[in-house]
Amino acid sequence: MAAQGILTRVIFIEDEVYTLTRVHRMEDDTRAFDLQELINVVAGNDNLRFFAFRPSLHERGLTKNPKLNAIMDIGIQEPGQLIFSPPKGVEAGHRRILFF
């Protein structure tokens, strides 16, 4: 979606925040990649932003992997703002918000 110019936001919430916590390592000869690697690769796309729901992290006693600096922490009010208010200066015909 983001590659096609659609403003896309991905929010990691509930148990999915576990995805953001540890350093994932893949075998060198593996062609597969993990989600953390993918986030770091696509983080430069202006149409794509990642968020971690801070209350979900706190309830589980977790912190994000510090290497995932492309993921911004958000609190209780921010998901509503992301859903109902486009970012300042953005006039997009389409927007997508994915809860992961």
PDB file of N, CA and C in Angstrom:
ATOM      1  N   MET A   1       0.818  -1.189   0.000  1.00  0.00           N
ATOM      2  CA  MET A   1       0.000   0.000   0.000  1.00  0.00           C
ATOM      3  C   MET A   1       0.867   1.261   0.000  1.00  0.00           C
ATOM      4  N   ALA A   2       1.833   1.301   0.895  1.00  0.00           N
ATOM      5  CA  ALA A   2       2.677   2.487   1.004  1.00  0.00           C
ATOM      6  C   ALA A   2       3.466   2.723  -0.283  1.00  0.00           C
ATOM      7  N   ALA A   3       3.901   1.649  -0.929  1.00  0.00           N
ATOM      8  CA  ALA A   3       4.648   1.779  -2.178  1.00  0.00           C
ATOM      9  C   ALA A   3       3.784   2.356  -3.293  1.00  0.00           C
ATOM     10  N   GLN A   4       2.468   2.242  -3.158  1.00  0.00           N
ATOM     11  CA  GLN A   4       1.541   2.787  -4.152  1.00  0.00           C
ATOM     12  C   GLN A   4       1.038   4.173  -3.764  1.00  0.00           C
ATOM     13  N   GLY A   5       1.669   4.794  -2.768  1.00  0.00           N
ATOM     14  CA  GLY A   5       1.310   6.152  -2.375  1.00  0.00           C
ATOM     15  C   GLY A   5       0.191   6.253  -1.353  1.00  0.00           C
ATOM     16  N   ILE A   6      -0.219   5.126  -0.778  1.00  0.00           N
ATOM     17  CA  ILE A   6      -1.286   5.141   0.228  1.00  0.00           C
ATOM     18  C   ILE A   6      -0.648   5.305   1.609  1.00  0.00           C
ATOM     19  N   LEU A   7      -1.057   6.318   2.317  1.00  0.00           N
ATOM     20  CA  LEU A   7      -0.574   6.575   3.666  1.00  0.00           C
ATOM     21  C   LEU A   7      -0.930   5.388   4.554  1.00  0.00           C
ATOM     22  N   THR A   8       0.079   4.720   5.107  1.00  0.00           N
ATOM     23  CA  THR A   8      -0.131   3.480   5.847  1.00  0.00           C
ATOM     24  C   THR A   8       0.520   3.578   7.219  1.00  0.00           C
ATOM     25  N   ARG A   9      -0.251   3.191   8.233  1.00  0.00           N
ATOM     26  CA  ARG A   9       0.232   3.166   9.608  1.00  0.00           C
ATOM     27  C   ARG A   9       0.035   1.757  10.148  1.00  0.00           C
ATOM     28  N   VAL A  10       1.056   1.218  10.801  1.00  0.00           N
ATOM     29  CA  VAL A  10       0.982  -0.112  11.396  1.00  0.00           C
ATOM     30  C   VAL A  10       1.155   0.052  12.903  1.00  0.00           C
ATOM     31  N   ILE A  11       0.173  -0.454  13.659  1.00  0.00           N
ATOM     32  CA  ILE A  11       0.210  -0.343  15.112  1.00  0.00           C
ATOM     33  C   ILE A  11       0.361  -1.745  15.710  1.00  0.00           C
ATOM     34  N   PHE A  12       1.435  -1.943  16.460  1.00  0.00           N
ATOM     35  CA  PHE A  12       1.643  -3.201  17.169  1.00  0.00           C
ATOM     36  C   PHE A  12       0.975  -3.065  18.534  1.00  0.00           C
ATOM     37  N   ILE A  13       0.027  -3.957  18.820  1.00  0.00           N
ATOM     38  CA  ILE A  13      -0.789  -3.843  20.023  1.00  0.00           C
ATOM     39  C   ILE A  13      -1.025  -5.242  20.604  1.00  0.00           C
ATOM     40  N   GLU A  14      -1.392  -5.289  21.886  1.00  0.00           N
ATOM     41  CA  GLU A  14      -1.643  -6.546  22.605  1.00  0.00           C
ATOM     42  C   GLU A  14      -0.412  -7.455  22.513  1.00  0.00           C
ATOM     43  N   ASP A  15      -0.600  -8.755  22.282  1.00  0.00           N
ATOM     44  CA  ASP A  15       0.528  -9.687  22.289  1.00  0.00           C
ATOM     45  C   ASP A  15       1.491  -9.499  21.122  1.00  0.00           C
ATOM     46  N   GLU A  16       1.094  -8.769  20.107  1.00  0.00           N
ATOM     47  CA  GLU A  16       1.995  -8.559  18.961  1.00  0.00           C
ATOM     48  C   GLU A  16       3.208  -7.703  19.320  1.00  0.00           C
ATOM     49  N   VAL A  17       3.183  -7.015  20.462  1.00  0.00           N
ATOM     50  CA  VAL A  17       4.353  -6.240  20.869  1.00  0.00           C
ATOM     51  C   VAL A  17       5.540  -7.154  21.182  1.00  0.00           C
ATOM     52  N   TYR A  18       5.289  -8.444  21.433  1.00  0.00           N
ATOM     53  CA  TYR A  18       6.401  -9.377  21.633  1.00  0.00           C
ATOM     54  C   TYR A  18       7.307  -9.411  20.404  1.00  0.00           C
ATOM     55  N   THR A  19       6.755  -9.155  19.239  1.00  0.00           N
ATOM     56  CA  THR A  19       7.521  -9.138  17.994  1.00  0.00           C
ATOM     57  C   THR A  19       8.630  -8.096  18.033  1.00  0.00           C
ATOM     58  N   LEU A  20       8.458  -7.056  18.820  1.00  0.00           N
ATOM     59  CA  LEU A  20       9.365  -5.915  18.823  1.00  0.00           C
ATOM     60  C   LEU A  20      10.401  -5.947  19.935  1.00  0.00           C
ATOM     61  N   THR A  21      10.452  -7.006  20.728  1.00  0.00           N
ATOM     62  CA  THR A  21      11.236  -6.954  21.958  1.00  0.00           C
ATOM     63  C   THR A  21      12.649  -7.498  21.866  1.00  0.00           C
ATOM     64  N   ARG A  22      12.847  -8.601  21.261  1.00  0.00           N
ATOM     65  CA  ARG A  22      14.164  -9.229  21.272  1.00  0.00           C
ATOM     66  C   ARG A  22      14.934  -8.939  19.999  1.00  0.00           C
ATOM     67  N   VAL A  23      16.212  -9.233  20.067  1.00  0.00           N
ATOM     68  CA  VAL A  23      17.037  -9.175  18.868  1.00  0.00           C
ATOM     69  C   VAL A  23      16.865 -10.507  18.153  1.00  0.00           C
ATOM     70  N   HIS A  24      16.334 -10.478  16.962  1.00  0.00           N
ATOM     71  CA  HIS A  24      16.118 -11.699  16.191  1.00  0.00           C
ATOM     72  C   HIS A  24      17.340 -11.956  15.324  1.00  0.00           C
ATOM     73  N   ARG A  25      17.738 -13.182  15.266  1.00  0.00           N
ATOM     74  CA  ARG A  25      18.893 -13.553  14.440  1.00  0.00           C
ATOM     75  C   ARG A  25      18.509 -14.731  13.549  1.00  0.00           C
ATOM     76  N   MET A  26      18.826 -14.593  12.280  1.00  0.00           N
ATOM     77  CA  MET A  26      18.571 -15.666  11.323  1.00  0.00           C
ATOM     78  C   MET A  26      19.916 -16.278  10.934  1.00  0.00           C
ATOM     79  N   GLU A  27      19.877 -17.535  10.575  1.00  0.00           N
ATOM     80  CA  GLU A  27      21.088 -18.191  10.100  1.00  0.00           C
ATOM     81  C   GLU A  27      21.564 -17.496   8.830  1.00  0.00           C
ATOM     82  N   ASP A  28      22.867 -17.380   8.652  1.00  0.00           N
ATOM     83  CA  ASP A  28      23.426 -16.688   7.487  1.00  0.00           C
ATOM     84  C   ASP A  28      23.011 -17.311   6.160  1.00  0.00           C
ATOM     85  N   ASP A  29      22.829 -18.620   6.126  1.00  0.00           N
ATOM     86  CA  ASP A  29      22.495 -19.275   4.867  1.00  0.00           C
ATOM     87  C   ASP A  29      20.984 -19.318   4.600  1.00  0.00           C
ATOM     88  N   THR A  30      20.206 -18.701   5.458  1.00  0.00           N
ATOM     89  CA  THR A  30      18.754 -18.677   5.298  1.00  0.00           C
ATOM     90  C   THR A  30      18.349 -17.509   4.412  1.00  0.00           C
ATOM     91  N   ARG A  31      17.445 -17.755   3.495  1.00  0.00           N
ATOM     92  CA  ARG A  31      16.955 -16.683   2.633  1.00  0.00           C
ATOM     93  C   ARG A  31      15.774 -15.958   3.263  1.00  0.00           C
ATOM     94  N   ALA A  32      15.244 -16.509   4.319  1.00  0.00           N
ATOM     95  CA  ALA A  32      14.108 -15.885   4.993  1.00  0.00           C
ATOM     96  C   ALA A  32      14.581 -14.640   5.750  1.00  0.00           C
ATOM     97  N   PHE A  33      13.646 -13.808   6.098  1.00  0.00           N
ATOM     98  CA  PHE A  33      13.961 -12.634   6.902  1.00  0.00           C
ATOM     99  C   PHE A  33      12.908 -12.531   7.984  1.00  0.00           C
ATOM    100  N   ASP A  34      13.221 -11.802   9.038  1.00  0.00           N
ATOM    101  CA  ASP A  34      12.253 -11.662  10.109  1.00  0.00           C
ATOM    102  C   ASP A  34      11.584 -10.290  10.029  1.00  0.00           C
ATOM    103  N   LEU A  35      10.548 -10.119  10.806  1.00  0.00           N
ATOM    104  CA  LEU A  35       9.764  -8.889  10.763  1.00  0.00           C
ATOM    105  C   LEU A  35      10.586  -7.668  11.164  1.00  0.00           C
ATOM    106  N   GLN A  36      11.466  -7.827  12.134  1.00  0.00           N
ATOM    107  CA  GLN A  36      12.302  -6.700  12.538  1.00  0.00           C
ATOM    108  C   GLN A  36      13.201  -6.235  11.397  1.00  0.00           C
ATOM    109  N   GLU A  37      13.752  -7.171  10.663  1.00  0.00           N
ATOM    110  CA  GLU A  37      14.568  -6.834   9.493  1.00  0.00           C
ATOM    111  C   GLU A  37      13.743  -6.079   8.458  1.00  0.00           C
ATOM    112  N   LEU A  38      12.548  -6.573   8.209  1.00  0.00           N
ATOM    113  CA  LEU A  38      11.652  -5.945   7.240  1.00  0.00           C
ATOM    114  C   LEU A  38      11.321  -4.514   7.649  1.00  0.00           C
ATOM    115  N   ILE A  39      11.036  -4.297   8.908  1.00  0.00           N
ATOM    116  CA  ILE A  39      10.733  -2.947   9.403  1.00  0.00           C
ATOM    117  C   ILE A  39      11.904  -2.014   9.147  1.00  0.00           C
ATOM    118  N   ASN A  40      13.101  -2.464   9.458  1.00  0.00           N
ATOM    119  CA  ASN A  40      14.284  -1.623   9.242  1.00  0.00           C
ATOM    120  C   ASN A  40      14.508  -1.312   7.763  1.00  0.00           C
ATOM    121  N   VAL A  41      14.193  -2.251   6.892  1.00  0.00           N
ATOM    122  CA  VAL A  41      14.396  -2.054   5.454  1.00  0.00           C
ATOM    123  C   VAL A  41      13.419  -1.028   4.888  1.00  0.00           C
ATOM    124  N   VAL A  42      12.151  -1.092   5.299  1.00  0.00           N
ATOM    125  CA  VAL A  42      11.130  -0.222   4.710  1.00  0.00           C
ATOM    126  C   VAL A  42      10.908   1.071   5.495  1.00  0.00           C
ATOM    127  N   ALA A  43      11.662   1.276   6.554  1.00  0.00           N
ATOM    128  CA  ALA A  43      11.437   2.421   7.437  1.00  0.00           C
ATOM    129  C   ALA A  43      11.609   3.774   6.751  1.00  0.00           C
ATOM    130  N   GLY A  44      12.297   3.848   5.664  1.00  0.00           N
ATOM    131  CA  GLY A  44      12.512   5.123   4.989  1.00  0.00           C
ATOM    132  C   GLY A  44      11.369   5.580   4.104  1.00  0.00           C
ATOM    133  N   ASN A  45      10.346   4.767   3.930  1.00  0.00           N
ATOM    134  CA  ASN A  45       9.217   5.121   3.081  1.00  0.00           C
ATOM    135  C   ASN A  45       8.366   6.184   3.768  1.00  0.00           C
ATOM    136  N   ASP A  46       8.168   7.327   3.099  1.00  0.00           N
ATOM    137  CA  ASP A  46       7.407   8.430   3.689  1.00  0.00           C
ATOM    138  C   ASP A  46       5.945   8.084   3.946  1.00  0.00           C
ATOM    139  N   ASN A  47       5.417   7.108   3.242  1.00  0.00           N
ATOM    140  CA  ASN A  47       4.008   6.733   3.387  1.00  0.00           C
ATOM    141  C   ASN A  47       3.776   5.643   4.426  1.00  0.00           C
ATOM    142  N   LEU A  48       4.832   5.215   5.114  1.00  0.00           N
ATOM    143  CA  LEU A  48       4.723   4.087   6.029  1.00  0.00           C
ATOM    144  C   LEU A  48       5.323   4.445   7.378  1.00  0.00           C
ATOM    145  N   ARG A  49       4.525   4.269   8.434  1.00  0.00           N
ATOM    146  CA  ARG A  49       4.987   4.527   9.795  1.00  0.00           C
ATOM    147  C   ARG A  49       4.582   3.361  10.684  1.00  0.00           C
ATOM    148  N   PHE A  50       5.426   3.077  11.686  1.00  0.00           N
ATOM    149  CA  PHE A  50       5.188   1.989  12.626  1.00  0.00           C
ATOM    150  C   PHE A  50       5.051   2.546  14.033  1.00  0.00           C
ATOM    151  N   PHE A  51       4.144   1.925  14.811  1.00  0.00           N
ATOM    152  CA  PHE A  51       3.888   2.368  16.174  1.00  0.00           C
ATOM    153  C   PHE A  51       3.775   1.166  17.101  1.00  0.00           C
ATOM    154  N   ALA A  52       4.242   1.337  18.332  1.00  0.00           N
ATOM    155  CA  ALA A  52       4.070   0.327  19.376  1.00  0.00           C
ATOM    156  C   ALA A  52       3.162   0.929  20.445  1.00  0.00           C
ATOM    157  N   PHE A  53       2.130   0.202  20.807  1.00  0.00           N
ATOM    158  CA  PHE A  53       1.182   0.669  21.814  1.00  0.00           C
ATOM    159  C   PHE A  53       1.813   0.480  23.194  1.00  0.00           C
ATOM    160  N   ARG A  54       2.224   1.587  23.781  1.00  0.00           N
ATOM    161  CA  ARG A  54       2.966   1.587  25.040  1.00  0.00           C
ATOM    162  C   ARG A  54       2.236   0.833  26.165  1.00  0.00           C
ATOM    163  N   PRO A  55       0.907   0.988  26.341  1.00  0.00           N
ATOM    164  CA  PRO A  55       0.231   0.212  27.388  1.00  0.00           C
ATOM    165  C   PRO A  55       0.375  -1.307  27.213  1.00  0.00           C
ATOM    166  N   SER A  56       0.417  -1.788  25.989  1.00  0.00           N
ATOM    167  CA  SER A  56       0.614  -3.223  25.755  1.00  0.00           C
ATOM    168  C   SER A  56       2.014  -3.655  26.193  1.00  0.00           C
ATOM    169  N   LEU A  57       3.010  -2.817  25.914  1.00  0.00           N
ATOM    170  CA  LEU A  57       4.374  -3.117  26.365  1.00  0.00           C
ATOM    171  C   LEU A  57       4.439  -3.140  27.883  1.00  0.00           C
ATOM    172  N   HIS A  58       3.869  -2.123  28.532  1.00  0.00           N
ATOM    173  CA  HIS A  58       3.936  -2.011  29.993  1.00  0.00           C
ATOM    174  C   HIS A  58       3.200  -3.156  30.686  1.00  0.00           C
ATOM    175  N   GLU A  59       2.037  -3.541  30.184  1.00  0.00           N
ATOM    176  CA  GLU A  59       1.275  -4.635  30.791  1.00  0.00           C
ATOM    177  C   GLU A  59       2.055  -5.941  30.785  1.00  0.00           C
ATOM    178  N   ARG A  60       2.940  -6.100  29.826  1.00  0.00           N
ATOM    179  CA  ARG A  60       3.707  -7.335  29.689  1.00  0.00           C
ATOM    180  C   ARG A  60       5.122  -7.190  30.243  1.00  0.00           C
ATOM    181  N   GLY A  61       5.454  -6.007  30.764  1.00  0.00           N
ATOM    182  CA  GLY A  61       6.787  -5.777  31.309  1.00  0.00           C
ATOM    183  C   GLY A  61       7.869  -5.814  30.250  1.00  0.00           C
ATOM    184  N   LEU A  62       7.558  -5.324  29.047  1.00  0.00           N
ATOM    185  CA  LEU A  62       8.479  -5.404  27.907  1.00  0.00           C
ATOM    186  C   LEU A  62       9.021  -4.037  27.524  1.00  0.00           C
ATOM    187  N   THR A  63      10.140  -4.047  26.850  1.00  0.00           N
ATOM    188  CA  THR A  63      10.668  -2.862  26.179  1.00  0.00           C
ATOM    189  C   THR A  63      10.998  -3.257  24.746  1.00  0.00           C
ATOM    190  N   LYS A  64      10.984  -2.280  23.861  1.00  0.00           N
ATOM    191  CA  LYS A  64      11.298  -2.538  22.450  1.00  0.00           C
ATOM    192  C   LYS A  64      12.781  -2.827  22.277  1.00  0.00           C
ATOM    193  N   ASN A  65      13.079  -3.558  21.241  1.00  0.00           N
ATOM    194  CA  ASN A  65      14.459  -3.743  20.823  1.00  0.00           C
ATOM    195  C   ASN A  65      14.994  -2.353  20.460  1.00  0.00           C
ATOM    196  N   PRO A  66      16.082  -1.907  21.078  1.00  0.00           N
ATOM    197  CA  PRO A  66      16.583  -0.552  20.806  1.00  0.00           C
ATOM    198  C   PRO A  66      17.022  -0.317  19.361  1.00  0.00           C
ATOM    199  N   LYS A  67      17.239  -1.369  18.606  1.00  0.00           N
ATOM    200  CA  LYS A  67      17.619  -1.212  17.201  1.00  0.00           C
ATOM    201  C   LYS A  67      16.434  -0.861  16.316  1.00  0.00           C
ATOM    202  N   LEU A  68      15.219  -0.940  16.861  1.00  0.00           N
ATOM    203  CA  LEU A  68      14.019  -0.626  16.088  1.00  0.00           C
ATOM    204  C   LEU A  68      13.608   0.825  16.325  1.00  0.00           C
ATOM    205  N   ASN A  69      14.468   1.742  15.932  1.00  0.00           N
ATOM    206  CA  ASN A  69      14.179   3.160  16.174  1.00  0.00           C
ATOM    207  C   ASN A  69      13.149   3.731  15.198  1.00  0.00           C
ATOM    208  N   ALA A  70      12.706   2.959  14.230  1.00  0.00           N
ATOM    209  CA  ALA A  70      11.668   3.421  13.302  1.00  0.00           C
ATOM    210  C   ALA A  70      10.269   3.228  13.882  1.00  0.00           C
ATOM    211  N   ILE A  71      10.182   2.591  15.045  1.00  0.00           N
ATOM    212  CA  ILE A  71       8.886   2.348  15.670  1.00  0.00           C
ATOM    213  C   ILE A  71       8.695   3.331  16.807  1.00  0.00           C
ATOM    214  N   MET A  72       7.669   4.153  16.690  1.00  0.00           N
ATOM    215  CA  MET A  72       7.387   5.161  17.705  1.00  0.00           C
ATOM    216  C   MET A  72       6.413   4.609  18.735  1.00  0.00           C
ATOM    217  N   ASP A  73       6.649   4.931  19.994  1.00  0.00           N
ATOM    218  CA  ASP A  73       5.722   4.550  21.053  1.00  0.00           C
ATOM    219  C   ASP A  73       4.518   5.479  21.027  1.00  0.00           C
ATOM    220  N   ILE A  74       3.344   4.899  21.266  1.00  0.00           N
ATOM    221  CA  ILE A  74       2.131   5.704  21.370  1.00  0.00           C
ATOM    222  C   ILE A  74       1.350   5.261  22.602  1.00  0.00           C
ATOM    223  N   GLY A  75       0.566   6.188  23.142  1.00  0.00           N
ATOM    224  CA  GLY A  75      -0.230   5.909  24.331  1.00  0.00           C
ATOM    225  C   GLY A  75      -1.694   5.707  23.990  1.00  0.00           C
ATOM    226  N   ILE A  76      -2.526   5.869  24.992  1.00  0.00           N
ATOM    227  CA  ILE A  76      -3.965   5.605  24.880  1.00  0.00           C
ATOM    228  C   ILE A  76      -4.644   6.480  23.826  1.00  0.00           C
ATOM    229  N   GLN A  77      -4.310   7.750  23.743  1.00  0.00           N
ATOM    230  CA  GLN A  77      -5.018   8.677  22.858  1.00  0.00           C
ATOM    231  C   GLN A  77      -4.560   8.623  21.398  1.00  0.00           C
ATOM    232  N   GLU A  78      -3.344   8.253  21.165  1.00  0.00           N
ATOM    233  CA  GLU A  78      -2.800   8.332  19.808  1.00  0.00           C
ATOM    234  C   GLU A  78      -3.474   7.426  18.775  1.00  0.00           C
ATOM    235  N   PRO A  79      -3.899   6.203  19.096  1.00  0.00           N
ATOM    236  CA  PRO A  79      -4.570   5.416  18.050  1.00  0.00           C
ATOM    237  C   PRO A  79      -5.798   6.126  17.485  1.00  0.00           C
ATOM    238  N   GLY A  80      -6.573   6.766  18.343  1.00  0.00           N
ATOM    239  CA  GLY A  80      -7.739   7.517  17.859  1.00  0.00           C
ATOM    240  C   GLY A  80      -7.333   8.667  16.965  1.00  0.00           C
ATOM    241  N   GLN A  81      -6.259   9.341  17.328  1.00  0.00           N
ATOM    242  CA  GLN A  81      -5.774  10.438  16.498  1.00  0.00           C
ATOM    243  C   GLN A  81      -5.302   9.929  15.147  1.00  0.00           C
ATOM    244  N   LEU A  82      -4.626   8.782  15.140  1.00  0.00           N
ATOM    245  CA  LEU A  82      -4.170   8.212  13.868  1.00  0.00           C
ATOM    246  C   LEU A  82      -5.340   7.804  12.985  1.00  0.00           C
ATOM    247  N   ILE A  83      -6.396   7.302  13.600  1.00  0.00           N
ATOM    248  CA  ILE A  83      -7.558   6.852  12.837  1.00  0.00           C
ATOM    249  C   ILE A  83      -8.351   8.024  12.274  1.00  0.00           C
ATOM    250  N   PHE A  84      -8.601   9.026  13.109  1.00  0.00           N
ATOM    251  CA  PHE A  84      -9.537  10.077  12.718  1.00  0.00           C
ATOM    252  C   PHE A  84      -8.900  11.372  12.210  1.00  0.00           C
ATOM    253  N   SER A  85      -7.609  11.555  12.418  1.00  0.00           N
ATOM    254  CA  SER A  85      -6.954  12.792  11.975  1.00  0.00           C
ATOM    255  C   SER A  85      -5.717  12.469  11.158  1.00  0.00           C
ATOM    256  N   PRO A  86      -5.689  12.896   9.893  1.00  0.00           N
ATOM    257  CA  PRO A  86      -4.474  12.669   9.101  1.00  0.00           C
ATOM    258  C   PRO A  86      -3.330  13.521   9.645  1.00  0.00           C
ATOM    259  N   PRO A  87      -2.088  13.107   9.435  1.00  0.00           N
ATOM    260  CA  PRO A  87      -0.953  13.911   9.867  1.00  0.00           C
ATOM    261  C   PRO A  87      -0.986  15.299   9.242  1.00  0.00           C
ATOM    262  N   LYS A  88      -0.444  16.277   9.923  1.00  0.00           N
ATOM    263  CA  LYS A  88      -0.426  17.652   9.423  1.00  0.00           C
ATOM    264  C   LYS A  88       0.290  17.721   8.083  1.00  0.00           C
ATOM    265  N   GLY A  89      -0.294  18.460   7.172  1.00  0.00           N
ATOM    266  CA  GLY A  89       0.313  18.654   5.860  1.00  0.00           C
ATOM    267  C   GLY A  89       0.072  17.515   4.889  1.00  0.00           C
ATOM    268  N   VAL A  90      -0.699  16.523   5.292  1.00  0.00           N
ATOM    269  CA  VAL A  90      -0.943  15.375   4.419  1.00  0.00           C
ATOM    270  C   VAL A  90      -2.389  15.401   3.947  1.00  0.00           C
ATOM    271  N   GLU A  91      -2.543  15.401   2.652  1.00  0.00           N
ATOM    272  CA  GLU A  91      -3.872  15.294   2.059  1.00  0.00           C
ATOM    273  C   GLU A  91      -3.879  14.055   1.184  1.00  0.00           C
ATOM    274  N   ALA A  92      -4.220  12.951   1.796  1.00  0.00           N
ATOM    275  CA  ALA A  92      -4.218  11.676   1.081  1.00  0.00           C
ATOM    276  C   ALA A  92      -5.645  11.249   0.779  1.00  0.00           C
ATOM    277  N   GLY A  93      -5.855  10.754  -0.419  1.00  0.00           N
ATOM    278  CA  GLY A  93      -7.167  10.242  -0.785  1.00  0.00           C
ATOM    279  C   GLY A  93      -7.482   8.945  -0.053  1.00  0.00           C
ATOM    280  N   HIS A  94      -6.448   8.186   0.247  1.00  0.00           N
ATOM    281  CA  HIS A  94      -6.621   6.906   0.944  1.00  0.00           C
ATOM    282  C   HIS A  94      -5.658   6.850   2.106  1.00  0.00           C
ATOM    283  N   ARG A  95      -6.108   6.232   3.170  1.00  0.00           N
ATOM    284  CA  ARG A  95      -5.239   5.958   4.327  1.00  0.00           C
ATOM    285  C   ARG A  95      -5.550   4.563   4.828  1.00  0.00           C
ATOM    286  N   ARG A  96      -4.547   3.894   5.317  1.00  0.00           N
ATOM    287  CA  ARG A  96      -4.728   2.562   5.885  1.00  0.00           C
ATOM    288  C   ARG A  96      -4.065   2.527   7.267  1.00  0.00           C
ATOM    289  N   ILE A  97      -4.765   1.911   8.210  1.00  0.00           N
ATOM    290  CA  ILE A  97      -4.207   1.660   9.531  1.00  0.00           C
ATOM    291  C   ILE A  97      -4.356   0.169   9.797  1.00  0.00           C
ATOM    292  N   LEU A  98      -3.240  -0.485  10.046  1.00  0.00           N
ATOM    293  CA  LEU A  98      -3.234  -1.920  10.289  1.00  0.00           C
ATOM    294  C   LEU A  98      -2.888  -2.168  11.752  1.00  0.00           C
ATOM    295  N   PHE A  99      -3.717  -2.926  12.426  1.00  0.00           N
ATOM    296  CA  PHE A  99      -3.418  -3.331  13.798  1.00  0.00           C
ATOM    297  C   PHE A  99      -2.829  -4.718  13.732  1.00  0.00           C
ATOM    298  N   PHE A 100      -1.625  -4.846  14.249  1.00  0.00           N
ATOM    299  CA  PHE A 100      -0.915  -6.106  14.173  1.00  0.00           C
ATOM    300  C   PHE A 100      -0.743  -6.634  15.574  1.00  0.00           C
TER     301      PHE A 100
END
